[in-house]
């Protein structure tokens, strides 16, 4: 489930560069949060 969320956020982030200039900042923040959550899960050793 986490991988699905990360993929969706990456796609939205890429769309933010070309289509959604207004929501680009919000999408970048969400992408950073998703990456932080992924790193924390990998470091703690829990299955993703």
Protein backbone atom coordinates (compact mmCIF):
# COMPACT_ATOMS: atom_id res chain seq x y z
CA UNK A 1 0.00 0.00 0.00
CA UNK A 2 2.85 2.37 0.80
CA UNK A 3 4.37 1.74 -2.63
CA UNK A 4 1.06 2.63 -4.28
CA UNK A 5 0.91 5.93 -2.42
CA UNK A 6 4.52 6.71 -3.34
CA UNK A 7 3.90 5.97 -7.02
CA UNK A 8 0.80 8.16 -7.05
CA UNK A 9 2.67 11.01 -5.39
CA UNK A 10 5.57 10.73 -7.84
CA UNK A 11 3.15 10.87 -10.79
CA UNK A 12 1.39 13.90 -9.30
CA UNK A 13 4.79 15.50 -8.65
CA UNK A 14 5.79 15.05 -12.29
CA UNK A 15 2.44 16.47 -13.42
CA UNK A 16 3.03 19.42 -11.12
CA UNK A 17 5.98 20.51 -13.24
CA UNK A 18 4.00 20.73 -16.45
CA UNK A 19 0.28 20.94 -15.71
CA UNK A 20 -0.52 22.08 -12.19
CA UNK A 21 1.72 25.06 -11.49
CA UNK A 22 -0.47 26.24 -8.61
CA UNK A 23 -0.48 22.92 -6.73
CA UNK A 24 3.21 22.23 -7.40
CA UNK A 25 4.33 23.32 -3.94
CA UNK A 26 1.82 21.11 -2.16
CA UNK A 27 2.76 18.13 -4.31
CA UNK A 28 6.46 18.66 -3.51
CA UNK A 29 5.69 18.71 0.21
CA UNK A 30 3.66 15.49 -0.07
CA UNK A 31 6.45 13.82 -2.02
CA UNK A 32 9.01 14.75 0.63
CA UNK A 33 6.73 13.34 3.34
CA UNK A 34 6.32 10.09 1.38
CA UNK A 35 10.08 9.74 0.97
CA UNK A 36 10.64 10.38 4.69
CA UNK A 37 8.06 7.72 5.60
CA UNK A 38 9.68 5.25 3.22
CA UNK A 39 13.15 5.86 4.66
CA UNK A 40 11.87 5.49 8.23
CA UNK A 41 10.17 2.18 7.35
CA UNK A 42 13.33 0.87 5.68
CA UNK A 43 15.61 1.96 8.55
CA UNK A 44 13.39 0.46 11.25
CA UNK A 45 13.42 -2.86 9.38
CA UNK A 46 9.68 -3.25 9.06
CA UNK A 47 8.29 -4.70 5.87
CA UNK A 48 6.98 -2.17 3.41
